N, C-alpha and C. Protein backbone atom coordinates (compact mmCIF):
# COMPACT_ATOMS: atom_id res chain seq x y z
N UNK A 1 48.90 157.14 190.08
CA UNK A 1 50.01 156.22 190.32
C UNK A 1 50.51 155.61 189.02
N UNK A 2 49.57 155.17 188.17
CA UNK A 2 49.96 154.56 186.90
C UNK A 2 50.72 155.55 186.04
N UNK A 3 50.28 156.81 186.04
CA UNK A 3 50.97 157.81 185.21
C UNK A 3 52.37 158.07 185.75
N UNK A 4 52.54 158.01 187.07
CA UNK A 4 53.88 158.19 187.66
C UNK A 4 54.82 157.08 187.23
N UNK A 5 54.34 155.84 187.21
CA UNK A 5 55.17 154.70 186.78
C UNK A 5 55.55 154.85 185.32
N UNK A 6 54.59 155.22 184.48
CA UNK A 6 54.87 155.41 183.05
C UNK A 6 55.91 156.49 182.85
N UNK A 7 55.76 157.62 183.56
CA UNK A 7 56.72 158.72 183.44
C UNK A 7 58.10 158.27 183.90
N UNK A 8 58.18 157.48 184.99
CA UNK A 8 59.47 156.97 185.47
C UNK A 8 60.18 156.15 184.41
N UNK A 9 59.45 155.19 183.80
CA UNK A 9 60.08 154.32 182.81
C UNK A 9 60.43 155.07 181.54
N UNK A 10 59.62 156.05 181.14
CA UNK A 10 59.96 156.87 179.98
C UNK A 10 61.21 157.69 180.26
N UNK A 11 61.31 158.23 181.47
CA UNK A 11 62.50 159.01 181.85
C UNK A 11 63.74 158.11 181.88
N UNK A 12 63.59 156.90 182.44
CA UNK A 12 64.69 155.95 182.50
C UNK A 12 65.16 155.58 181.11
N UNK A 13 64.21 155.33 180.21
CA UNK A 13 64.55 154.97 178.84
C UNK A 13 65.27 156.11 178.14
N UNK A 14 64.80 157.33 178.32
CA UNK A 14 65.43 158.49 177.70
C UNK A 14 66.85 158.68 178.24
N UNK A 15 67.02 158.54 179.56
CA UNK A 15 68.34 158.70 180.16
C UNK A 15 69.29 157.62 179.67
N UNK A 16 68.79 156.40 179.56
CA UNK A 16 69.62 155.29 179.08
C UNK A 16 70.08 155.52 177.66
N UNK A 17 69.20 156.08 176.83
CA UNK A 17 69.54 156.27 175.41
C UNK A 17 70.66 157.27 175.21
N UNK A 18 70.86 158.17 176.16
CA UNK A 18 71.95 159.13 176.04
C UNK A 18 73.11 158.82 176.99
N UNK A 19 73.06 157.64 177.61
CA UNK A 19 74.20 157.18 178.39
C UNK A 19 74.23 157.61 179.84
N UNK A 20 73.12 158.10 180.39
CA UNK A 20 73.13 158.54 181.78
C UNK A 20 72.80 157.44 182.77
N UNK A 21 72.38 156.28 182.29
CA UNK A 21 72.09 155.17 183.19
C UNK A 21 73.27 154.20 183.10
N UNK A 22 74.07 154.07 184.16
CA UNK A 22 75.30 153.28 184.07
C UNK A 22 75.07 151.79 183.99
N UNK A 23 73.94 151.28 184.45
CA UNK A 23 73.73 149.85 184.47
C UNK A 23 72.36 149.49 183.91
N UNK A 24 72.29 148.29 183.31
CA UNK A 24 71.02 147.78 182.85
C UNK A 24 70.20 147.29 184.04
N UNK A 25 68.92 147.06 183.82
CA UNK A 25 68.07 146.58 184.91
C UNK A 25 68.50 145.21 185.40
N UNK A 26 69.19 144.43 184.52
CA UNK A 26 69.63 143.09 184.95
C UNK A 26 70.95 143.14 185.70
N UNK A 27 71.48 144.35 185.94
CA UNK A 27 72.69 144.48 186.74
C UNK A 27 73.96 144.61 185.94
N UNK A 28 73.93 144.43 184.61
CA UNK A 28 75.14 144.59 183.81
C UNK A 28 75.36 146.06 183.54
N UNK A 29 76.62 146.47 183.43
CA UNK A 29 76.95 147.88 183.29
C UNK A 29 77.50 148.20 181.91
N UNK A 30 77.13 149.40 181.44
CA UNK A 30 77.57 149.88 180.13
C UNK A 30 79.07 150.05 180.05
N UNK A 31 79.69 150.63 181.10
CA UNK A 31 81.07 151.04 181.01
C UNK A 31 82.08 150.01 181.43
N UNK A 32 81.65 148.92 182.05
CA UNK A 32 82.60 147.91 182.50
C UNK A 32 81.87 146.60 182.73
N UNK A 33 82.66 145.54 182.85
CA UNK A 33 82.09 144.24 183.17
C UNK A 33 82.93 143.63 184.29
N UNK A 34 82.27 143.09 185.29
CA UNK A 34 82.98 142.44 186.39
C UNK A 34 83.49 141.09 185.92
N UNK A 35 84.68 140.72 186.35
CA UNK A 35 85.20 139.40 186.02
C UNK A 35 84.26 138.31 186.50
N UNK A 36 83.56 138.57 187.58
CA UNK A 36 82.64 137.57 188.11
C UNK A 36 81.44 137.34 187.20
N UNK A 37 81.23 138.23 186.21
CA UNK A 37 80.15 138.05 185.25
C UNK A 37 80.58 137.28 184.01
N UNK A 38 81.83 136.84 183.99
CA UNK A 38 82.32 135.98 182.92
C UNK A 38 82.34 134.54 183.42
N UNK A 39 82.30 133.56 182.51
CA UNK A 39 82.34 132.17 182.94
C UNK A 39 83.66 131.83 183.63
N UNK A 40 83.65 130.76 184.40
CA UNK A 40 84.90 130.25 184.96
C UNK A 40 85.73 129.74 183.80
N UNK A 41 87.01 130.15 183.76
CA UNK A 41 87.82 129.89 182.56
C UNK A 41 88.94 128.90 182.84
N UNK A 42 88.70 128.00 183.77
CA UNK A 42 89.80 127.13 184.17
C UNK A 42 89.56 125.67 183.95
N UNK A 43 90.02 124.89 184.91
CA UNK A 43 90.02 123.44 184.81
C UNK A 43 88.62 122.90 184.55
N UNK A 44 88.58 121.80 183.84
CA UNK A 44 87.32 121.12 183.58
C UNK A 44 87.56 119.63 183.80
N UNK A 45 86.55 118.86 184.14
CA UNK A 45 86.78 117.43 184.31
C UNK A 45 87.38 116.80 183.06
N UNK A 46 88.22 115.80 183.23
CA UNK A 46 88.92 115.16 182.12
C UNK A 46 87.96 114.60 181.09
N UNK A 47 86.76 114.23 181.47
CA UNK A 47 85.84 113.60 180.54
C UNK A 47 84.96 114.62 179.80
N UNK A 48 85.15 115.94 179.96
CA UNK A 48 84.35 116.94 179.25
C UNK A 48 84.70 117.00 177.77
N UNK A 49 83.92 116.40 177.13
CA UNK A 49 84.09 116.52 175.66
C UNK A 49 83.79 118.06 175.34
N UNK A 50 78.52 148.28 164.02
CA UNK A 50 78.21 149.64 164.37
C UNK A 50 79.07 150.59 163.51
N UNK A 51 79.09 151.44 163.58
CA UNK A 51 79.92 152.40 162.86
C UNK A 51 80.66 153.30 163.86
N UNK A 52 81.90 153.72 163.54
CA UNK A 52 82.63 154.64 164.39
C UNK A 52 82.34 156.07 163.97
N UNK A 53 82.86 157.02 164.77
CA UNK A 53 82.60 158.42 164.49
C UNK A 53 83.14 158.85 163.12
N UNK A 54 84.21 158.21 162.65
CA UNK A 54 84.76 158.58 161.35
C UNK A 54 84.17 157.73 160.22
N UNK A 55 83.09 157.04 160.49
CA UNK A 55 82.33 156.27 159.50
C UNK A 55 83.09 155.10 158.90
N UNK A 56 84.13 154.64 159.56
CA UNK A 56 84.81 153.43 159.11
C UNK A 56 84.01 152.24 159.62
N UNK A 57 83.86 151.20 158.80
CA UNK A 57 83.08 150.05 159.25
C UNK A 57 83.74 149.33 160.41
N UNK A 58 82.94 148.84 161.31
CA UNK A 58 83.45 148.02 162.41
C UNK A 58 83.06 146.58 162.14
N UNK A 59 83.91 145.66 162.56
CA UNK A 59 83.68 144.25 162.26
C UNK A 59 83.88 143.41 163.51
N UNK A 60 83.29 142.23 163.50
CA UNK A 60 83.47 141.29 164.59
C UNK A 60 84.80 140.55 164.40
N UNK A 61 85.50 140.28 165.50
CA UNK A 61 86.74 139.50 165.39
C UNK A 61 86.43 138.06 164.97
N UNK A 62 87.23 137.55 164.05
CA UNK A 62 87.03 136.18 163.57
C UNK A 62 88.17 135.25 163.95
N UNK A 63 89.34 135.81 164.21
CA UNK A 63 90.50 134.97 164.49
C UNK A 63 91.50 135.75 165.34
N UNK A 64 92.17 135.05 166.26
CA UNK A 64 93.24 135.64 167.05
C UNK A 64 94.53 134.89 166.75
N UNK A 65 95.59 135.65 166.45
CA UNK A 65 96.88 135.07 166.10
C UNK A 65 97.96 135.72 166.97
N UNK A 66 98.70 134.89 167.71
CA UNK A 66 99.81 135.38 168.52
C UNK A 66 101.01 134.48 168.23
N UNK A 67 101.87 134.93 167.34
CA UNK A 67 102.97 134.07 166.88
C UNK A 67 103.95 133.73 168.00
N UNK A 68 104.13 134.64 168.97
CA UNK A 68 105.08 134.39 170.06
C UNK A 68 104.76 133.15 170.87
N UNK A 69 103.47 132.76 170.89
CA UNK A 69 103.08 131.58 171.67
C UNK A 69 102.37 130.53 170.79
N UNK A 70 102.58 130.64 169.49
CA UNK A 70 102.01 129.67 168.53
C UNK A 70 100.50 129.52 168.69
N UNK A 71 99.81 130.63 168.86
CA UNK A 71 98.36 130.61 169.01
C UNK A 71 97.71 131.13 167.73
N UNK A 72 96.79 130.37 167.20
CA UNK A 72 96.04 130.76 166.00
C UNK A 72 94.68 130.07 166.08
N UNK A 73 93.67 130.82 166.55
CA UNK A 73 92.36 130.22 166.81
C UNK A 73 91.22 131.12 166.34
N UNK A 74 90.08 130.52 165.97
CA UNK A 74 88.90 131.33 165.65
C UNK A 74 88.32 131.96 166.90
N UNK A 75 87.64 133.09 166.72
CA UNK A 75 86.96 133.79 167.81
C UNK A 75 85.46 133.75 167.55
N UNK A 76 84.70 133.40 168.58
CA UNK A 76 83.24 133.34 168.47
C UNK A 76 82.63 134.64 169.01
N UNK A 77 81.44 134.96 168.52
CA UNK A 77 80.77 136.21 168.89
C UNK A 77 79.32 135.97 169.29
N UNK A 78 79.08 135.25 170.37
CA UNK A 78 77.69 135.01 170.79
C UNK A 78 77.03 136.29 171.29
N UNK A 79 75.74 136.41 171.04
CA UNK A 79 74.97 137.60 171.45
C UNK A 79 74.28 137.31 172.79
N UNK A 80 75.07 137.01 173.81
CA UNK A 80 74.49 136.68 175.11
C UNK A 80 75.46 137.04 176.23
N UNK A 81 74.87 137.29 177.42
CA UNK A 81 75.67 137.46 178.63
C UNK A 81 75.47 136.28 179.58
N UNK A 82 74.63 135.33 179.21
CA UNK A 82 74.31 134.20 180.08
C UNK A 82 75.53 133.30 180.27
N UNK A 83 75.94 133.13 181.52
CA UNK A 83 77.18 132.41 181.79
C UNK A 83 77.10 130.95 181.35
N UNK A 84 75.97 130.30 181.57
CA UNK A 84 75.84 128.89 181.16
C UNK A 84 75.97 128.75 179.64
N UNK A 85 75.38 129.69 178.90
CA UNK A 85 75.48 129.65 177.44
C UNK A 85 76.90 129.94 176.99
N UNK A 86 77.55 130.92 177.62
CA UNK A 86 78.93 131.23 177.28
C UNK A 86 79.85 130.05 177.57
N UNK A 87 79.58 129.32 178.65
CA UNK A 87 80.36 128.11 178.95
C UNK A 87 80.32 127.12 177.80
N UNK A 88 79.15 126.98 177.18
CA UNK A 88 79.02 126.07 176.04
C UNK A 88 79.85 126.56 174.86
N UNK A 89 79.81 127.86 174.59
CA UNK A 89 80.61 128.42 173.48
C UNK A 89 82.10 128.23 173.73
N UNK A 90 82.53 128.36 174.99
CA UNK A 90 83.95 128.24 175.31
C UNK A 90 84.51 126.86 175.00
N UNK A 91 83.66 125.86 174.89
CA UNK A 91 84.12 124.52 174.51
C UNK A 91 84.67 124.51 173.09
N UNK A 92 84.30 125.53 172.30
CA UNK A 92 84.77 125.62 170.92
C UNK A 92 85.83 126.69 170.74
N UNK A 93 86.32 127.29 171.83
CA UNK A 93 87.41 128.24 171.72
C UNK A 93 87.10 129.62 172.25
N UNK A 94 87.98 130.59 171.96
CA UNK A 94 87.84 131.95 172.48
C UNK A 94 86.52 132.61 172.10
N UNK A 95 86.06 133.51 173.00
CA UNK A 95 84.77 134.19 172.85
C UNK A 95 84.97 135.69 173.08
N UNK A 96 84.35 136.50 172.22
CA UNK A 96 84.30 137.96 172.46
C UNK A 96 83.07 138.25 173.30
N UNK A 97 83.25 139.09 174.34
CA UNK A 97 82.13 139.48 175.19
C UNK A 97 81.21 140.43 174.42
N UNK A 98 79.93 140.17 174.48
CA UNK A 98 78.94 140.84 173.62
C UNK A 98 78.92 142.36 173.78
N UNK A 99 79.17 142.88 174.98
CA UNK A 99 79.12 144.32 175.20
C UNK A 99 80.44 145.03 174.93
N UNK A 100 81.46 144.29 174.54
CA UNK A 100 82.75 144.93 174.28
C UNK A 100 82.79 145.45 172.84
N UNK A 101 83.84 146.21 172.54
CA UNK A 101 83.96 146.86 171.23
C UNK A 101 84.16 145.84 170.11
N UNK A 102 83.84 146.29 168.90
CA UNK A 102 84.18 145.55 167.69
C UNK A 102 85.52 146.08 167.18
N UNK A 103 86.10 145.40 166.22
CA UNK A 103 87.33 145.87 165.60
C UNK A 103 87.05 147.16 164.83
N UNK A 104 87.98 148.13 164.94
CA UNK A 104 87.82 149.40 164.27
C UNK A 104 86.97 150.39 165.01
N UNK A 105 86.57 150.05 166.23
CA UNK A 105 85.68 150.88 167.03
C UNK A 105 86.40 151.29 168.30
N UNK A 106 86.19 152.53 168.76
CA UNK A 106 86.78 152.95 170.03
C UNK A 106 86.17 152.13 171.15
N UNK A 107 87.01 151.71 172.06
CA UNK A 107 86.56 150.88 173.16
C UNK A 107 87.50 149.70 173.34
N UNK A 108 87.06 148.75 174.13
CA UNK A 108 87.89 147.62 174.53
C UNK A 108 87.30 146.33 173.97
N UNK A 109 88.04 145.64 173.12
CA UNK A 109 87.63 144.33 172.62
C UNK A 109 88.02 143.31 173.70
N UNK A 110 87.04 142.67 174.31
CA UNK A 110 87.29 141.71 175.40
C UNK A 110 87.09 140.30 174.88
N UNK A 111 88.17 139.52 174.91
CA UNK A 111 88.12 138.13 174.46
C UNK A 111 88.60 137.24 175.60
N UNK A 112 87.87 136.16 175.87
CA UNK A 112 88.26 135.26 176.95
C UNK A 112 88.21 133.82 176.47
N UNK A 113 89.01 132.98 177.13
CA UNK A 113 89.07 131.57 176.78
C UNK A 113 89.62 130.78 177.97
N UNK A 114 89.51 129.46 177.86
CA UNK A 114 89.93 128.57 178.94
C UNK A 114 91.45 128.41 179.02
N UNK A 115 91.88 128.03 180.21
CA UNK A 115 93.23 127.53 180.48
C UNK A 115 93.07 126.26 181.30
N UNK A 116 93.86 125.25 180.99
CA UNK A 116 93.85 124.02 181.78
C UNK A 116 95.24 123.42 181.82
N UNK A 117 95.65 123.01 183.02
CA UNK A 117 96.95 122.33 183.18
C UNK A 117 96.77 120.89 183.64
N UNK A 118 95.58 120.35 183.40
CA UNK A 118 95.38 118.92 183.69
C UNK A 118 96.26 118.09 182.76
N UNK A 119 96.73 116.94 183.23
CA UNK A 119 97.63 116.13 182.40
C UNK A 119 96.95 115.56 181.15
N UNK A 120 95.64 115.31 181.22
CA UNK A 120 94.91 114.79 180.07
C UNK A 120 93.70 115.68 179.82
N UNK A 121 93.66 116.29 178.65
CA UNK A 121 92.54 117.15 178.27
C UNK A 121 92.10 116.73 176.87
N UNK A 122 90.91 116.15 176.78
CA UNK A 122 90.41 115.67 175.48
C UNK A 122 90.09 116.82 174.54
N UNK A 123 89.44 117.85 175.04
CA UNK A 123 89.10 119.01 174.22
C UNK A 123 90.21 120.05 174.36
N UNK A 124 90.99 120.25 173.31
CA UNK A 124 92.14 121.15 173.38
C UNK A 124 91.74 122.62 173.54
N UNK A 125 90.47 122.94 173.33
CA UNK A 125 90.02 124.32 173.53
C UNK A 125 90.02 124.71 175.01
N UNK A 126 90.10 123.70 175.90
CA UNK A 126 90.25 124.02 177.31
C UNK A 126 91.66 124.50 177.63
N UNK A 127 92.57 124.42 176.64
CA UNK A 127 93.93 124.90 176.81
C UNK A 127 94.20 126.10 175.89
N UNK A 128 93.13 126.69 175.35
CA UNK A 128 93.26 127.73 174.32
C UNK A 128 94.20 128.87 174.73
N UNK A 129 94.05 129.38 175.96
CA UNK A 129 94.86 130.52 176.40
C UNK A 129 95.93 130.13 177.41
N UNK A 130 96.35 128.86 177.40
CA UNK A 130 97.36 128.40 178.37
C UNK A 130 98.62 129.27 178.40
N UNK A 131 99.06 129.72 177.22
CA UNK A 131 100.35 130.41 177.15
C UNK A 131 100.22 131.93 177.13
N UNK A 132 99.01 132.45 177.22
CA UNK A 132 98.83 133.91 177.25
C UNK A 132 99.63 134.57 178.37
N UNK A 133 99.71 133.98 179.58
CA UNK A 133 100.48 134.61 180.65
C UNK A 133 101.98 134.72 180.35
N UNK A 134 102.47 134.00 179.34
CA UNK A 134 103.89 134.09 178.97
C UNK A 134 104.21 135.37 178.20
N UNK A 135 103.19 136.03 177.67
CA UNK A 135 103.42 137.22 176.86
C UNK A 135 103.95 138.37 177.70
N UNK A 136 104.72 139.26 177.05
CA UNK A 136 105.34 140.38 177.74
C UNK A 136 105.03 141.68 177.00
N UNK A 137 105.25 142.78 177.68
CA UNK A 137 105.04 144.09 177.06
C UNK A 137 105.84 144.18 175.76
N UNK A 138 105.18 144.66 174.72
CA UNK A 138 105.83 144.79 173.41
C UNK A 138 105.52 143.66 172.45
N UNK A 139 105.03 142.52 172.96
CA UNK A 139 104.66 141.41 172.07
C UNK A 139 103.43 141.81 171.24
N UNK A 140 103.32 141.20 170.06
CA UNK A 140 102.26 141.56 169.12
C UNK A 140 101.12 140.54 169.13
N UNK A 141 99.89 141.05 168.97
CA UNK A 141 98.70 140.22 168.83
C UNK A 141 97.95 140.72 167.61
N UNK A 142 97.54 139.80 166.74
CA UNK A 142 96.76 140.16 165.56
C UNK A 142 95.36 139.58 165.70
N UNK A 143 94.37 140.44 165.52
CA UNK A 143 92.98 140.01 165.50
C UNK A 143 92.47 140.23 164.07
N UNK A 144 91.94 139.18 163.46
CA UNK A 144 91.48 139.26 162.08
C UNK A 144 89.96 139.31 162.04
N UNK A 145 89.46 140.06 161.06
CA UNK A 145 88.02 140.14 160.85
C UNK A 145 87.72 140.78 159.51
N UNK A 146 86.79 140.19 158.76
CA UNK A 146 86.34 140.72 157.49
C UNK A 146 87.50 140.97 156.52
N UNK A 147 88.46 140.05 156.52
CA UNK A 147 89.58 140.14 155.58
C UNK A 147 90.66 141.13 155.96
N UNK A 148 90.56 141.73 157.14
CA UNK A 148 91.56 142.69 157.59
C UNK A 148 92.21 142.19 158.88
N UNK A 149 93.42 142.70 159.14
CA UNK A 149 94.15 142.34 160.36
C UNK A 149 94.35 143.58 161.21
N UNK A 150 94.05 143.47 162.50
CA UNK A 150 94.19 144.57 163.44
C UNK A 150 95.32 144.21 164.40
N UNK A 151 96.37 145.02 164.39
CA UNK A 151 97.57 144.72 165.16
C UNK A 151 97.52 145.45 166.50
N UNK A 152 97.78 144.71 167.58
CA UNK A 152 97.83 145.25 168.93
C UNK A 152 99.20 144.93 169.54
N UNK A 153 99.64 145.77 170.47
CA UNK A 153 100.88 145.53 171.21
C UNK A 153 100.55 145.37 172.69
N UNK A 154 101.08 144.33 173.28
CA UNK A 154 100.84 144.04 174.70
C UNK A 154 101.41 145.16 175.56
N UNK A 155 100.55 145.67 176.46
CA UNK A 155 100.98 146.68 177.43
C UNK A 155 101.33 146.03 178.76
N UNK A 156 100.50 145.07 179.21
CA UNK A 156 100.74 144.44 180.51
C UNK A 156 100.00 143.12 180.61
N UNK A 157 100.50 142.27 181.49
CA UNK A 157 99.82 141.03 181.89
C UNK A 157 99.85 141.00 183.41
N UNK A 158 98.66 140.87 184.01
CA UNK A 158 98.60 140.91 185.47
C UNK A 158 97.63 139.86 185.99
N UNK A 159 97.74 139.58 187.28
CA UNK A 159 96.81 138.69 187.96
C UNK A 159 95.76 139.52 188.68
N UNK A 160 94.55 138.96 188.79
CA UNK A 160 93.49 139.64 189.53
C UNK A 160 92.56 138.60 190.12
N UNK A 161 91.84 139.00 191.15
CA UNK A 161 90.83 138.13 191.74
C UNK A 161 89.50 138.39 191.05
N UNK A 162 88.79 137.32 190.75
CA UNK A 162 87.54 137.43 190.00
C UNK A 162 86.51 138.30 190.70
N UNK A 163 86.54 138.37 192.01
CA UNK A 163 85.54 139.16 192.75
C UNK A 163 85.90 140.64 192.83
N UNK A 164 87.15 140.98 192.54
CA UNK A 164 87.60 142.35 192.74
C UNK A 164 87.78 143.16 191.46
N UNK A 165 88.05 142.51 190.36
CA UNK A 165 88.47 143.23 189.16
C UNK A 165 87.30 143.58 188.24
N UNK A 166 87.41 144.74 187.60
CA UNK A 166 86.49 145.16 186.56
C UNK A 166 87.27 145.37 185.28
N UNK A 167 86.66 145.05 184.15
CA UNK A 167 87.26 145.31 182.85
C UNK A 167 86.55 146.52 182.26
N UNK A 168 87.29 147.60 182.05
CA UNK A 168 86.71 148.84 181.54
C UNK A 168 86.44 148.69 180.04
N UNK A 169 85.19 148.90 179.64
CA UNK A 169 84.81 148.79 178.23
C UNK A 169 84.53 150.16 177.61
N UNK A 170 84.87 151.21 178.31
CA UNK A 170 84.52 152.56 177.87
C UNK A 170 85.22 152.95 176.57
N UNK A 171 84.49 153.60 175.64
CA UNK A 171 85.12 154.07 174.40
C UNK A 171 86.12 155.20 174.62
N UNK A 172 86.11 155.81 175.81
CA UNK A 172 87.07 156.89 176.08
C UNK A 172 88.49 156.36 176.21
N UNK A 173 88.66 155.04 176.30
CA UNK A 173 89.99 154.45 176.41
C UNK A 173 90.76 154.49 175.10
N UNK A 174 90.07 154.74 173.99
CA UNK A 174 90.70 154.54 172.68
C UNK A 174 90.44 153.11 172.24
N UNK A 175 91.27 152.58 171.37
CA UNK A 175 91.08 151.21 170.87
C UNK A 175 92.01 150.27 171.65
N UNK A 176 91.40 149.40 172.43
CA UNK A 176 92.14 148.49 173.30
C UNK A 176 91.71 147.05 173.05
N UNK A 177 92.52 146.13 173.54
CA UNK A 177 92.22 144.70 173.53
C UNK A 177 92.53 144.15 174.90
N UNK A 178 91.62 143.35 175.45
CA UNK A 178 91.86 142.66 176.72
C UNK A 178 91.60 141.18 176.53
N UNK A 179 92.55 140.36 176.96
CA UNK A 179 92.38 138.90 176.99
C UNK A 179 92.30 138.47 178.44
N UNK A 180 91.38 137.56 178.74
CA UNK A 180 91.20 137.07 180.12
C UNK A 180 91.18 135.55 180.11
N UNK A 181 91.88 134.96 181.08
CA UNK A 181 91.83 133.51 181.29
C UNK A 181 92.12 133.21 182.74
N UNK A 182 91.90 131.97 183.15
CA UNK A 182 92.12 131.58 184.55
C UNK A 182 93.59 131.34 184.84
N UNK A 183 93.94 131.56 186.10
CA UNK A 183 95.23 131.14 186.63
C UNK A 183 94.96 129.85 187.41
N UNK A 184 94.89 128.75 186.69
CA UNK A 184 94.45 127.49 187.31
C UNK A 184 95.47 126.91 188.28
N UNK A 185 96.71 127.37 188.22
CA UNK A 185 97.71 126.84 189.14
C UNK A 185 97.65 127.50 190.51
N UNK A 186 96.98 128.63 190.60
CA UNK A 186 96.93 129.38 191.87
C UNK A 186 95.61 129.20 192.60
N UNK A 187 94.50 129.54 191.92
CA UNK A 187 93.22 129.56 192.59
C UNK A 187 92.09 129.54 191.58
N UNK A 188 90.97 128.97 191.98
CA UNK A 188 89.77 128.96 191.15
C UNK A 188 89.29 130.38 190.85
N UNK A 189 89.58 131.33 191.74
CA UNK A 189 89.10 132.70 191.59
C UNK A 189 90.15 133.65 191.02
N UNK A 190 91.30 133.12 190.61
CA UNK A 190 92.37 133.96 190.10
C UNK A 190 92.32 134.02 188.57
N UNK A 191 92.56 135.20 188.01
CA UNK A 191 92.54 135.39 186.56
C UNK A 191 93.80 136.09 186.09
N UNK A 192 94.19 135.80 184.85
CA UNK A 192 95.20 136.58 184.16
C UNK A 192 94.49 137.56 183.25
N UNK A 193 94.91 138.81 183.28
CA UNK A 193 94.33 139.85 182.43
C UNK A 193 95.46 140.45 181.60
N UNK A 194 95.36 140.29 180.29
CA UNK A 194 96.32 140.89 179.37
C UNK A 194 95.67 142.12 178.75
N UNK A 195 96.39 143.24 178.76
CA UNK A 195 95.90 144.48 178.15
C UNK A 195 96.83 144.87 177.02
N UNK A 196 96.24 145.26 175.88
CA UNK A 196 97.03 145.62 174.70
C UNK A 196 96.44 146.85 174.05
N UNK A 197 97.30 147.58 173.32
CA UNK A 197 96.90 148.80 172.63
C UNK A 197 96.89 148.58 171.13
N UNK A 198 95.90 149.19 170.46
CA UNK A 198 95.81 149.11 169.01
C UNK A 198 96.97 149.87 168.37
N UNK A 199 97.57 149.25 167.34
CA UNK A 199 98.69 149.87 166.65
C UNK A 199 98.31 150.29 165.24
N UNK A 200 97.76 149.33 164.46
CA UNK A 200 97.47 149.62 163.06
C UNK A 200 96.56 148.56 162.47
N UNK A 201 95.87 148.93 161.40
CA UNK A 201 95.11 147.98 160.62
C UNK A 201 95.94 147.61 159.41
N UNK A 202 96.14 146.31 159.19
CA UNK A 202 97.02 145.86 158.11
C UNK A 202 96.20 145.33 156.92
């Protein structure tokens, strides 16, 4: 019996290393992330204070700039999937999801931040992505990292329910960017999802 268990886990480990196991034992998946596995990105109480195949270096995003909506904020890169911990990071602004792509790497860079339409918000980071839903196809987004700028063009902005939507993180997509925030005017479970395509490194 013991040898059977050992063989099972060795087989599982080998399959995982070559990408045949779609999900981790904790329930998170390699190829996508459920919106329900991200923190709630909406209203808060008023008193809340690798290398690519072509060997080009990949870097973590450090800043997001969207001139169309006067957004210019640092991006954090916590090494965790824990929702409570991510909630704490979100108090300081946008966050890149740990399993998403880095800049210069095939895959989907997933960045999320709060939206709030409360009349009084002491911490302005709760309003970080308030104007993201105003963006339209063709608008430009610049993500900066390691002294370089990565230019993306908005493909779409859509609404989704947190329980139904998945964000595809697969490298087969090419180089993509996804921004996620709450639709606080509609529902606690409603999200805005912006999808953009990589254009060039500047």
